[in-house]
N, C-alpha and C. Protein backbone atom coordinates (compact mmCIF):
# COMPACT_ATOMS: atom_id res chain seq x y z
N MET A 1 32.15 -20.69 -86.18
CA MET A 1 31.70 -20.83 -85.43
C MET A 1 31.95 -21.44 -83.87
N SER A 2 32.13 -21.20 -83.17
CA SER A 2 32.39 -21.40 -82.20
C SER A 2 31.17 -22.76 -81.13
N PRO A 3 31.87 -23.30 -80.04
CA PRO A 3 30.43 -24.16 -79.13
C PRO A 3 29.53 -23.83 -78.91
N ASP A 4 29.89 -22.37 -78.14
CA ASP A 4 29.43 -21.42 -77.19
C ASP A 4 28.47 -21.43 -77.85
N ALA A 5 28.74 -20.58 -79.30
CA ALA A 5 27.51 -20.13 -80.06
C ALA A 5 26.15 -20.71 -80.53
N ASP A 6 26.77 -22.61 -80.89
CA ASP A 6 25.81 -23.56 -80.08
C ASP A 6 25.18 -23.84 -79.58
N THR A 7 25.36 -23.79 -77.88
CA THR A 7 24.71 -23.95 -76.84
C THR A 7 24.06 -22.38 -76.61
N ALA A 8 24.50 -21.78 -77.50
CA ALA A 8 23.23 -20.00 -76.95
C ALA A 8 22.02 -20.58 -77.45
N ALA A 9 22.16 -20.39 -78.70
CA ALA A 9 21.14 -20.39 -79.42
C ALA A 9 19.79 -21.61 -78.96
N PRO A 10 19.83 -22.40 -78.94
CA PRO A 10 18.87 -23.24 -78.10
C PRO A 10 18.29 -22.80 -77.38
N GLU A 11 19.09 -21.98 -76.60
CA GLU A 11 18.88 -21.51 -75.33
C GLU A 11 17.84 -21.00 -75.20
N ARG A 12 17.86 -19.44 -76.09
CA ARG A 12 17.84 -18.15 -76.22
C ARG A 12 16.09 -18.69 -77.13
N ARG A 13 15.98 -19.56 -78.22
CA ARG A 13 14.60 -19.98 -79.30
C ARG A 13 14.10 -21.15 -78.14
N GLY A 14 14.69 -21.63 -76.95
CA GLY A 14 14.00 -21.77 -76.10
C GLY A 14 13.12 -21.26 -75.12
N TRP A 15 14.05 -19.83 -73.98
CA TRP A 15 13.09 -19.25 -73.93
C TRP A 15 11.74 -17.77 -74.56
N PHE A 16 12.62 -18.21 -75.76
CA PHE A 16 11.59 -16.86 -76.90
C PHE A 16 9.55 -17.88 -76.74
N ALA A 17 10.27 -19.40 -77.21
CA ALA A 17 9.11 -19.96 -77.14
C ALA A 17 8.25 -20.25 -75.98
N THR A 18 8.93 -20.31 -74.54
CA THR A 18 8.63 -20.05 -73.43
C THR A 18 7.91 -18.67 -73.62
N LEU A 19 8.32 -17.50 -73.88
CA LEU A 19 7.45 -16.32 -73.69
C LEU A 19 6.27 -15.86 -74.37
N ARG A 20 6.29 -16.71 -75.90
CA ARG A 20 5.35 -17.08 -76.99
C ARG A 20 4.19 -17.98 -76.16
N GLU A 21 4.24 -18.52 -75.40
CA GLU A 21 3.33 -19.69 -74.85
C GLU A 21 2.83 -19.45 -73.88
N LEU A 22 3.13 -17.82 -73.18
CA LEU A 22 3.34 -17.73 -71.99
C LEU A 22 1.79 -17.30 -72.10
N PRO A 23 1.54 -16.18 -73.07
CA PRO A 23 -0.23 -15.76 -72.69
C PRO A 23 -1.66 -16.92 -73.44
N ALA A 24 -1.02 -17.69 -73.89
CA ALA A 24 -1.65 -18.86 -73.91
C ALA A 24 -2.07 -19.32 -72.61
N GLN A 25 -1.32 -19.93 -72.48
CA GLN A 25 -0.76 -20.63 -71.06
C GLN A 25 -2.09 -19.54 -70.16
N LEU A 26 -1.80 -18.77 -70.21
CA LEU A 26 -2.39 -17.77 -69.01
C LEU A 26 -3.97 -17.70 -69.35
N VAL A 27 -4.14 -17.61 -70.58
CA VAL A 27 -5.51 -17.72 -71.55
C VAL A 27 -6.30 -19.03 -71.29
N ALA A 28 -5.64 -20.28 -70.56
CA ALA A 28 -6.26 -21.40 -70.72
C ALA A 28 -6.11 -21.32 -68.96
N MET A 29 -5.26 -20.47 -68.44
CA MET A 29 -5.33 -20.93 -66.74
C MET A 29 -6.78 -20.16 -66.67
N LEU A 30 -7.41 -19.16 -66.60
CA LEU A 30 -7.53 -17.88 -66.90
C LEU A 30 -9.73 -18.97 -66.95
N ALA A 31 -8.75 -19.13 -67.95
CA ALA A 31 -10.86 -19.88 -68.21
C ALA A 31 -11.17 -21.28 -67.96
N THR A 32 -10.51 -21.83 -67.28
CA THR A 32 -10.34 -22.73 -66.92
C THR A 32 -11.31 -22.31 -64.94
N ARG A 33 -10.52 -21.47 -64.55
CA ARG A 33 -10.18 -21.14 -63.42
C ARG A 33 -12.03 -20.55 -63.47
N GLY A 34 -12.76 -20.07 -64.74
CA GLY A 34 -13.92 -19.68 -65.22
C GLY A 34 -14.98 -20.39 -65.00
N GLU A 35 -14.29 -21.06 -65.76
CA GLU A 35 -15.87 -22.24 -66.12
C GLU A 35 -16.18 -22.94 -64.62
N ILE A 36 -15.05 -23.01 -63.56
CA ILE A 36 -15.42 -23.49 -61.82
C ILE A 36 -16.08 -22.30 -61.63
N ALA A 37 -15.89 -21.37 -61.89
CA ALA A 37 -16.46 -20.31 -60.63
C ALA A 37 -18.07 -20.25 -61.94
N ALA A 38 -18.30 -20.69 -62.92
CA ALA A 38 -19.30 -21.16 -64.14
C ALA A 38 -20.73 -21.56 -63.01
N LEU A 39 -19.55 -23.01 -63.10
CA LEU A 39 -20.22 -24.03 -62.68
C LEU A 39 -20.88 -24.05 -61.15
N GLU A 40 -20.01 -23.31 -60.55
CA GLU A 40 -20.73 -22.93 -58.53
C GLU A 40 -21.40 -22.04 -58.88
N LEU A 41 -21.24 -20.84 -59.23
CA LEU A 41 -22.50 -20.14 -59.96
C LEU A 41 -23.94 -20.56 -60.32
N SER A 42 -23.95 -20.99 -61.18
CA SER A 42 -24.83 -22.11 -61.86
C SER A 42 -25.94 -23.17 -60.41
N ASP A 43 -24.34 -23.54 -60.22
CA ASP A 43 -25.15 -24.34 -59.03
C ASP A 43 -25.99 -23.75 -57.76
N ALA A 44 -25.16 -22.83 -57.70
CA ALA A 44 -25.75 -22.01 -55.94
C ALA A 44 -27.04 -21.45 -56.64
N ARG A 45 -27.61 -21.02 -58.19
CA ARG A 45 -28.76 -20.54 -58.91
C ARG A 45 -29.37 -21.63 -58.75
N ASP A 46 -29.54 -22.73 -58.89
CA ASP A 46 -29.90 -23.72 -58.59
C ASP A 46 -30.56 -24.97 -57.52
N ARG A 47 -29.89 -24.36 -56.61
CA ARG A 47 -30.51 -24.29 -55.23
C ARG A 47 -30.92 -23.57 -54.63
N LEU A 48 -31.13 -22.57 -54.99
CA LEU A 48 -31.47 -21.10 -54.39
C LEU A 48 -32.58 -21.51 -55.37
N MET A 49 -32.64 -21.72 -56.95
CA MET A 49 -34.23 -21.45 -56.84
C MET A 49 -35.13 -22.70 -56.66
N ARG A 50 -34.41 -24.25 -56.46
CA ARG A 50 -35.42 -25.06 -55.67
C ARG A 50 -35.86 -24.14 -54.15
N SER A 51 -34.95 -24.29 -53.98
CA SER A 51 -35.19 -23.91 -52.01
C SER A 51 -36.19 -22.71 -52.08
N LEU A 52 -36.41 -22.15 -53.56
CA LEU A 52 -37.55 -20.78 -53.47
C LEU A 52 -39.03 -21.53 -53.76
N ALA A 53 -38.99 -22.57 -54.54
CA ALA A 53 -39.53 -22.68 -55.33
C ALA A 53 -40.19 -24.33 -54.03
N LEU A 54 -39.29 -24.72 -53.48
CA LEU A 54 -40.39 -25.72 -52.38
C LEU A 54 -41.09 -24.85 -51.57
N GLY A 55 -39.99 -24.00 -51.08
CA GLY A 55 -40.66 -22.56 -49.27
C GLY A 55 -41.93 -22.82 -49.48
N ALA A 56 -42.09 -21.74 -51.34
CA ALA A 56 -43.01 -21.23 -51.24
C ALA A 56 -44.31 -21.80 -51.76
N VAL A 57 -44.56 -23.31 -51.84
CA VAL A 57 -45.46 -24.54 -51.85
C VAL A 57 -45.47 -24.87 -50.65
N ALA A 58 -45.06 -24.84 -49.74
CA ALA A 58 -44.43 -25.35 -48.10
C ALA A 58 -45.39 -23.99 -47.78
N ALA A 59 -44.91 -23.19 -47.69
CA ALA A 59 -44.90 -21.55 -47.07
C ALA A 59 -47.30 -21.81 -47.04
N VAL A 60 -47.84 -22.02 -48.72
CA VAL A 60 -48.75 -22.14 -48.55
C VAL A 60 -49.96 -23.20 -48.22
N LEU A 61 -49.32 -23.98 -48.42
CA LEU A 61 -49.58 -25.79 -47.85
C LEU A 61 -49.95 -25.45 -45.89
N LEU A 62 -48.59 -25.20 -45.73
CA LEU A 62 -49.14 -24.98 -44.53
C LEU A 62 -49.65 -24.24 -43.50
N LEU A 63 -50.12 -22.95 -44.52
CA LEU A 63 -50.86 -21.66 -44.38
C LEU A 63 -52.39 -22.36 -44.26
N ALA A 64 -52.61 -22.97 -45.42
CA ALA A 64 -54.17 -23.39 -45.56
C ALA A 64 -54.31 -24.36 -44.06
N ALA A 65 -53.51 -25.25 -43.93
CA ALA A 65 -52.89 -25.69 -43.33
C ALA A 65 -53.79 -25.50 -41.70
N LEU A 66 -52.32 -24.82 -40.99
CA LEU A 66 -53.23 -23.57 -40.00
C LEU A 66 -54.64 -22.65 -40.06
N MET A 67 -55.22 -22.19 -41.39
CA MET A 67 -56.38 -21.81 -41.48
C MET A 67 -57.31 -23.06 -41.17
N THR A 68 -57.77 -23.64 -40.92
CA THR A 68 -58.01 -24.99 -41.32
C THR A 68 -58.06 -25.32 -39.97
N LEU A 69 -57.10 -25.37 -38.50
CA LEU A 69 -57.28 -25.46 -37.42
C LEU A 69 -57.17 -24.46 -37.17
N SER A 70 -57.20 -23.55 -37.92
CA SER A 70 -57.68 -22.37 -36.57
C SER A 70 -59.58 -22.42 -36.30
N LEU A 71 -59.87 -22.61 -37.83
CA LEU A 71 -61.65 -22.65 -37.79
C LEU A 71 -62.05 -23.67 -37.13
N LEU A 72 -60.72 -24.95 -36.28
CA LEU A 72 -61.23 -26.31 -36.58
C LEU A 72 -61.51 -26.08 -34.63
N VAL A 73 -60.63 -25.27 -34.32
CA VAL A 73 -60.32 -24.76 -32.68
C VAL A 73 -61.43 -24.04 -32.59
N ALA A 74 -61.43 -22.83 -33.06
CA ALA A 74 -62.86 -22.18 -33.12
C ALA A 74 -64.52 -22.53 -32.90
N ALA A 75 -64.42 -23.79 -34.32
CA ALA A 75 -65.63 -24.79 -33.65
C ALA A 75 -65.71 -24.87 -33.00
N ILE A 76 -64.57 -25.51 -32.25
CA ILE A 76 -64.70 -26.82 -30.92
C ILE A 76 -65.29 -25.73 -29.69
N PHE A 77 -64.46 -24.55 -29.78
CA PHE A 77 -64.38 -23.45 -28.25
C PHE A 77 -65.40 -22.98 -28.71
N TRP A 78 -66.31 -22.46 -29.53
CA TRP A 78 -67.55 -21.65 -30.25
C TRP A 78 -68.75 -21.61 -29.17
N ASP A 79 -68.83 -22.18 -28.26
CA ASP A 79 -69.41 -22.58 -26.19
C ASP A 79 -69.05 -21.79 -25.32
N GLY A 80 -67.66 -22.34 -25.80
CA GLY A 80 -66.59 -21.70 -24.44
C GLY A 80 -65.72 -21.08 -24.71
N PRO A 81 -64.96 -20.74 -24.15
CA PRO A 81 -63.09 -19.86 -24.35
C PRO A 81 -62.51 -19.72 -25.90
N ARG A 82 -63.61 -19.20 -26.77
CA ARG A 82 -62.94 -19.54 -27.57
C ARG A 82 -61.44 -18.61 -28.15
N VAL A 83 -61.73 -17.27 -27.79
CA VAL A 83 -61.25 -16.43 -27.26
C VAL A 83 -59.81 -16.97 -26.86
N LEU A 84 -59.70 -17.70 -26.08
CA LEU A 84 -58.41 -18.37 -25.23
C LEU A 84 -57.65 -19.29 -26.65
N ALA A 85 -58.67 -20.05 -26.95
CA ALA A 85 -58.26 -20.83 -27.34
C ALA A 85 -57.53 -19.89 -29.05
N LEU A 86 -57.83 -19.98 -29.63
CA LEU A 86 -56.92 -18.46 -30.63
C LEU A 86 -56.31 -17.62 -29.91
N GLY A 87 -56.51 -17.45 -29.10
CA GLY A 87 -54.53 -16.27 -28.88
C GLY A 87 -53.86 -17.52 -28.19
N ALA A 88 -54.26 -19.18 -28.01
CA ALA A 88 -53.15 -19.84 -28.23
C ALA A 88 -52.59 -20.19 -29.14
N LEU A 89 -53.78 -20.44 -29.87
CA LEU A 89 -53.06 -20.75 -31.22
C LEU A 89 -52.31 -19.60 -32.22
N THR A 90 -52.69 -18.48 -31.61
CA THR A 90 -51.87 -17.60 -32.43
C THR A 90 -50.67 -17.52 -31.82
N ALA A 91 -50.28 -17.65 -30.26
CA ALA A 91 -48.93 -17.34 -30.11
C ALA A 91 -48.12 -18.68 -30.21
N LEU A 92 -48.80 -19.59 -30.64
CA LEU A 92 -48.03 -20.88 -31.41
C LEU A 92 -47.29 -20.40 -32.68
N TYR A 93 -48.63 -19.91 -33.57
CA TYR A 93 -48.24 -19.48 -34.78
C TYR A 93 -46.63 -18.69 -34.98
N ALA A 94 -46.64 -17.70 -33.84
CA ALA A 94 -45.79 -16.68 -33.45
C ALA A 94 -44.57 -17.20 -33.52
N VAL A 95 -44.57 -18.63 -32.72
CA VAL A 95 -43.34 -18.93 -32.06
C VAL A 95 -42.59 -20.17 -33.06
N ALA A 96 -43.46 -20.29 -33.88
CA ALA A 96 -43.16 -21.47 -34.51
C ALA A 96 -42.43 -20.88 -36.02
N GLY A 97 -43.04 -19.61 -36.37
CA GLY A 97 -42.80 -18.61 -37.68
C GLY A 97 -41.25 -17.82 -37.62
N VAL A 98 -41.60 -17.21 -35.86
CA VAL A 98 -40.30 -17.18 -35.35
C VAL A 98 -38.57 -18.37 -35.56
N TRP A 99 -39.26 -19.60 -34.19
CA TRP A 99 -38.09 -20.18 -35.14
C TRP A 99 -38.00 -20.63 -36.59
N LEU A 100 -38.79 -20.81 -37.22
CA LEU A 100 -38.61 -20.96 -38.58
C LEU A 100 -37.87 -19.56 -38.97
N VAL A 101 -37.51 -17.85 -39.20
CA VAL A 101 -37.14 -17.93 -39.73
C VAL A 101 -35.81 -17.80 -39.22
N ALA A 102 -34.49 -18.19 -37.64
CA ALA A 102 -33.86 -18.63 -36.86
C ALA A 102 -33.17 -19.30 -37.90
N ALA A 103 -34.35 -20.96 -37.96
CA ALA A 103 -33.46 -22.09 -38.64
C ALA A 103 -33.10 -21.45 -40.22
N VAL A 104 -33.84 -20.70 -40.64
CA VAL A 104 -33.10 -20.23 -42.56
C VAL A 104 -31.76 -18.89 -41.84
N ARG A 105 -32.22 -18.47 -40.93
CA ARG A 105 -30.37 -17.49 -40.74
C ARG A 105 -30.13 -18.47 -40.61
N ARG A 106 -29.84 -19.16 -40.02
CA ARG A 106 -28.43 -20.41 -39.10
C ARG A 106 -28.01 -21.14 -40.80
N ASP A 107 -29.13 -21.37 -41.61
CA ASP A 107 -28.66 -22.75 -42.90
C ASP A 107 -27.94 -21.21 -43.77
N PHE A 108 -28.57 -19.94 -43.83
CA PHE A 108 -27.85 -18.97 -45.20
C PHE A 108 -26.10 -19.25 -43.97
N ALA A 109 -25.86 -18.73 -42.94
CA ALA A 109 -24.59 -18.03 -41.93
C ALA A 109 -23.85 -19.82 -42.24
N ALA A 110 -24.49 -20.71 -42.12
CA ALA A 110 -23.65 -22.29 -42.70
C ALA A 110 -23.63 -22.56 -43.63
N ALA A 111 -24.06 -21.60 -45.12
CA ALA A 111 -23.64 -22.10 -46.45
C ALA A 111 -22.62 -21.70 -46.37
N PRO A 112 -21.63 -22.16 -47.80
CA PRO A 112 -19.93 -22.21 -47.88
C PRO A 112 -20.07 -20.83 -48.42
N PRO A 113 -19.03 -20.35 -48.60
CA PRO A 113 -18.96 -18.98 -49.62
C PRO A 113 -18.80 -19.14 -50.39
N LEU A 114 -19.98 -17.79 -51.23
CA LEU A 114 -19.93 -18.00 -52.97
C LEU A 114 -18.33 -18.46 -54.04
N LEU A 115 -18.23 -19.70 -54.84
CA LEU A 115 -16.91 -19.76 -55.32
C LEU A 115 -15.72 -20.23 -54.14
N ALA A 116 -16.46 -20.13 -53.28
CA ALA A 116 -14.82 -20.80 -52.73
C ALA A 116 -14.38 -21.89 -53.26
N GLN A 117 -14.73 -22.64 -54.49
CA GLN A 117 -13.39 -22.84 -54.49
C GLN A 117 -13.07 -22.66 -55.71
N THR A 118 -13.31 -21.62 -56.70
CA THR A 118 -12.55 -21.07 -57.78
C THR A 118 -11.40 -20.25 -56.50
N LEU A 119 -12.07 -20.16 -55.61
CA LEU A 119 -10.78 -18.51 -54.64
C LEU A 119 -10.17 -20.23 -54.43
N ALA A 120 -10.04 -21.47 -53.67
CA ALA A 120 -9.09 -22.35 -53.57
C ALA A 120 -8.11 -22.62 -54.40
N GLU A 121 -8.98 -22.59 -56.19
CA GLU A 121 -7.48 -23.08 -57.23
C GLU A 121 -7.11 -22.21 -57.25
N LEU A 122 -7.23 -20.49 -57.22
CA LEU A 122 -6.79 -19.32 -57.19
C LEU A 122 -5.25 -19.51 -56.25
N GLN A 123 -5.88 -19.44 -55.37
CA GLN A 123 -5.29 -19.76 -53.93
C GLN A 123 -3.52 -20.20 -54.30
N LYS A 124 -4.42 -21.74 -54.74
CA LYS A 124 -3.26 -23.18 -54.86
C LYS A 124 -2.41 -22.51 -55.97
N ASP A 125 -2.70 -21.62 -57.28
CA ASP A 125 -2.52 -20.79 -58.59
C ASP A 125 -0.58 -20.65 -57.80
N ARG A 126 -1.77 -19.32 -56.61
CA ARG A 126 -0.35 -18.41 -55.99
C ARG A 126 0.32 -19.08 -55.49
N ASP A 127 0.17 -20.34 -54.83
CA ASP A 127 1.56 -20.81 -54.00
C ASP A 127 2.41 -21.47 -54.73
N ALA A 128 1.97 -21.76 -55.87
CA ALA A 128 3.07 -22.62 -56.67
C ALA A 128 3.78 -21.57 -56.76
N LEU A 129 2.99 -20.25 -57.51
CA LEU A 129 3.67 -19.44 -58.58
C LEU A 129 5.27 -18.73 -57.33
N ALA A 130 4.39 -19.04 -56.57
CA ALA A 130 5.30 -18.33 -55.20
C ALA A 130 6.61 -19.59 -55.33
N ARG A 131 6.54 -20.14 -55.11
CA ARG A 131 7.23 -21.76 -55.23
C ARG A 131 8.35 -21.88 -56.11
N ARG A 132 7.50 -21.76 -57.22
CA ARG A 132 8.20 -21.69 -58.31
C ARG A 132 9.68 -20.00 -58.63
N ASN A 133 8.88 -19.06 -57.99
CA ASN A 133 9.93 -17.70 -57.96
C ASN A 133 10.47 -17.58 -56.67
N ALA A 134 10.35 -18.17 -55.93
CA ALA A 134 11.18 -18.74 -54.57
C ALA A 134 12.78 -18.59 -55.08
N PRO A 135 12.71 -20.07 -55.62
CA PRO A 135 14.59 -20.09 -56.05
C PRO A 135 15.22 -19.36 -57.04
N GLU A 136 14.42 -18.75 -57.78
CA GLU A 136 14.55 -17.78 -59.12
C GLU A 136 15.56 -16.76 -57.75
N ARG A 137 14.34 -16.37 -57.12
CA ARG A 137 15.16 -15.54 -56.37
C ARG A 137 15.87 -15.72 -55.54
N SER A 138 16.37 -16.17 -54.69
CA SER A 138 17.32 -17.10 -53.73
C SER A 138 18.26 -16.99 -55.15
N ALA A 139 18.20 -17.33 -55.80
CA ALA A 139 19.71 -17.68 -56.99
C ALA A 139 20.16 -15.72 -57.31
N ASP A 140 18.61 -14.90 -57.55
CA ASP A 140 19.43 -13.90 -57.87
C ASP A 140 20.06 -13.55 -56.45
N ALA A 141 19.96 -13.18 -55.45
CA ALA A 141 20.50 -12.97 -54.68
C ALA A 141 21.77 -13.38 -53.85
N THR A 142 22.57 -14.34 -54.08
CA THR A 142 23.89 -15.00 -54.59
C THR A 142 24.53 -14.23 -55.82
């Protein structure tokens, strides 16, 4: 047996072992990224459900308060300019409603993109693979 045969066998065994481990490593990496994505989606769902529930309760309570205020203003101005008073309240409610809709739209626009952390991790993986393959390509070119 030549000394070259002894040194070549471990390299081949290492190469094949690496190839055999590659699918398991890829599956483990994808599983980890999937878990991150699932956690992000779960957090987003929880935030949305909480916001919807609190928003619905707040809307009902505020509507009740506004109706009561409107009745109070109508009672106070019953013998006077009640149409003017109710018109001013209507304008105030409309302005407040438009302002709230704009605030909600700003909040949604300022929210981080869905799955931002997952996409960042995948980009890190892509960059790491590109750096790892870069020396091999430059060695192949020479």
